[in-house]
Amino acid sequence: MWLLFALLSAFFAALTAILAKAGIEGVNSNLAMAVRTAVVLALAWGIVFATGQGGGIAGISARSWTFLILSGLATGASWLCYFKALELGEVSKVVPVDKLSTVLTIILALVIFHETFTVKTFLGMVLITAGTLLMTL
């Protein structure tokens, strides 16, 4: 089931880039990001309360709060940079560079969580990086 959701995530991420590029025309990238974030915020809280999970807020530990807040700050920084890149560049070049986050995430997961690193993982990272360079040059 995770693969289905991962594929849907990739589809919606692709759609996000196209819609954002179309919507950012004539709009400051920071303002555009703020509008998108407001929509995401409303949707996320709507789902939480519609599914009756709002009561779980009190059970979130201080450690989880800290990491979720830091994750939110990292997301915000990523989106600010992403929207500025979309404002200034072509979607077909911005998106592949943005997806280098896959390689960076694997490296961080190896260092922080000591996840398994295989030859297959290494080759995949090399191919993603090479593909990104090929698409942006």
Protein backbone atom coordinates (compact mmCIF):
# COMPACT_ATOMS: atom_id res chain seq x y z
CA MET A 1 0.00 0.00 0.00
CA TRP A 2 2.93 2.36 0.64
CA LEU A 3 3.88 2.17 -3.03
CA LEU A 4 0.43 3.34 -4.13
CA PHE A 5 0.62 6.34 -1.82
CA ALA A 6 4.20 7.08 -2.91
CA LEU A 7 3.12 7.03 -6.57
CA LEU A 8 0.15 9.29 -5.78
CA SER A 9 2.54 11.61 -3.94
CA ALA A 10 4.77 11.78 -7.02
CA PHE A 11 1.76 12.49 -9.25
CA PHE A 12 0.47 15.29 -7.00
CA ALA A 13 4.00 16.72 -6.63
CA ALA A 14 4.24 16.88 -10.43
CA LEU A 15 0.84 18.53 -10.64
CA THR A 16 1.88 20.95 -7.89
CA ALA A 17 4.87 22.16 -9.90
CA ILE A 18 2.81 22.73 -13.04
CA LEU A 19 -0.02 24.50 -11.20
CA ALA A 20 2.42 26.60 -9.15
CA LYS A 21 4.31 27.74 -12.25
CA ALA A 22 1.02 28.70 -13.93
CA GLY A 23 -0.20 30.49 -10.79
CA ILE A 24 2.99 32.37 -10.01
CA GLU A 25 2.89 34.42 -13.22
CA GLY A 26 2.76 38.06 -12.17
CA VAL A 27 2.71 37.13 -8.46
CA ASN A 28 5.58 37.54 -5.98
CA SER A 29 6.97 34.11 -5.10
CA ASN A 30 6.66 34.70 -1.33
CA LEU A 31 3.01 35.72 -1.69
CA ALA A 32 2.32 32.72 -3.91
CA MET A 33 3.91 30.40 -1.36
CA ALA A 34 1.83 31.96 1.45
CA VAL A 35 -1.41 31.38 -0.48
CA ARG A 36 -0.48 27.76 -1.18
CA THR A 37 0.51 27.23 2.45
CA ALA A 38 -2.82 28.61 3.69
CA VAL A 39 -4.64 26.12 1.48
CA VAL A 40 -2.47 23.23 2.73
CA LEU A 41 -3.01 24.34 6.34
CA ALA A 42 -6.80 24.49 5.95
CA LEU A 43 -6.86 21.10 4.21
CA ALA A 44 -4.65 19.44 6.83
CA TRP A 45 -6.67 20.71 9.81
CA GLY A 46 -9.91 19.90 8.01
CA ILE A 47 -8.81 16.29 7.61
CA VAL A 48 -7.67 16.06 11.24
CA PHE A 49 -10.99 17.30 12.60
CA ALA A 50 -13.15 15.49 10.02
CA THR A 51 -11.55 12.19 11.06
CA GLY A 52 -11.89 12.94 14.77
CA GLN A 53 -8.15 13.00 15.45
CA GLY A 54 -7.97 16.52 16.90
CA GLY A 55 -7.90 15.15 20.44
CA GLY A 56 -4.50 13.60 19.79
CA ILE A 57 -2.81 17.00 20.01
CA ALA A 58 -2.51 16.74 23.80
CA GLY A 59 -0.67 13.42 23.48
CA ILE A 60 2.18 14.77 21.36
CA SER A 61 5.44 14.62 23.32
CA ALA A 62 7.80 17.58 23.67
CA ARG A 63 10.36 15.71 21.56
CA SER A 64 7.84 15.17 18.77
CA TRP A 65 6.74 18.83 18.97
CA THR A 66 10.35 19.91 18.59
CA PHE A 67 11.02 17.76 15.54
CA LEU A 68 7.66 18.53 13.92
CA ILE A 69 8.27 22.27 14.35
CA LEU A 70 11.78 21.94 12.92
CA SER A 71 10.35 19.90 10.03
CA GLY A 72 7.79 22.63 9.42
CA LEU A 73 10.53 25.27 9.36
CA ALA A 74 12.53 23.16 6.89
CA THR A 75 9.42 22.72 4.74
CA GLY A 76 8.82 26.46 4.76
CA ALA A 77 12.41 27.18 3.78
CA SER A 78 12.19 24.58 1.01
CA TRP A 79 8.95 26.03 -0.33
CA LEU A 80 10.29 29.60 -0.26
CA CYS A 81 13.31 28.53 -2.30
CA TYR A 82 11.20 26.32 -4.59
CA PHE A 83 8.76 29.11 -5.42
CA LYS A 84 11.61 31.57 -6.03
CA ALA A 85 13.27 29.04 -8.33
CA LEU A 86 9.96 28.53 -10.20
CA GLU A 87 9.56 32.29 -10.51
CA LEU A 88 13.04 32.63 -12.01
CA GLY A 89 13.49 29.38 -13.94
CA GLU A 90 11.89 26.75 -16.10
CA VAL A 91 9.85 24.01 -14.41
CA SER A 92 11.70 21.37 -16.43
CA LYS A 93 14.97 22.47 -14.80
CA VAL A 94 13.78 23.47 -11.34
CA VAL A 95 12.00 20.19 -10.58
CA PRO A 96 14.92 17.83 -11.30
CA VAL A 97 17.23 19.90 -9.10
CA ASP A 98 14.58 19.96 -6.36
CA LYS A 99 14.37 16.18 -6.56
CA LEU A 100 18.05 15.93 -5.63
CA SER A 101 16.45 16.01 -2.19
CA THR A 102 16.11 12.24 -2.71
CA VAL A 103 19.88 11.82 -2.75
CA LEU A 104 20.37 14.21 0.16
CA THR A 105 17.65 12.44 2.17
CA ILE A 106 19.29 9.05 1.64
CA ILE A 107 22.64 10.43 2.79
CA LEU A 108 21.06 12.00 5.89
CA ALA A 109 19.14 8.78 6.65
CA LEU A 110 22.39 6.83 6.46
CA VAL A 111 24.19 9.23 8.81
CA ILE A 112 21.37 9.92 11.29
CA PHE A 113 19.33 6.69 11.32
CA HIS A 114 22.12 4.30 10.24
CA GLU A 115 19.95 2.91 7.48
CA THR A 116 21.35 0.20 5.24
CA PHE A 117 23.58 1.40 2.43
CA THR A 118 23.94 -1.02 -0.46
CA VAL A 119 25.57 -0.99 -3.86
CA LYS A 120 22.07 -0.66 -5.32
CA THR A 121 21.43 2.42 -3.18
CA PHE A 122 24.73 3.95 -4.24
CA LEU A 123 24.10 3.26 -7.93
CA GLY A 124 20.61 4.72 -7.66
CA MET A 125 22.00 7.88 -6.09
CA VAL A 126 24.62 8.18 -8.85
CA LEU A 127 21.96 7.73 -11.55
CA ILE A 128 19.62 10.30 -9.97
CA THR A 129 22.47 12.80 -9.73
CA ALA A 130 23.61 12.09 -13.30
CA GLY A 131 20.03 12.39 -14.57
CA THR A 132 19.62 15.71 -12.80
CA LEU A 133 22.81 17.05 -14.34
CA LEU A 134 21.78 15.80 -17.76
CA MET A 135 18.36 17.47 -17.51
CA THR A 136 19.68 20.82 -16.32
CA LEU A 137 22.69 21.37 -18.57
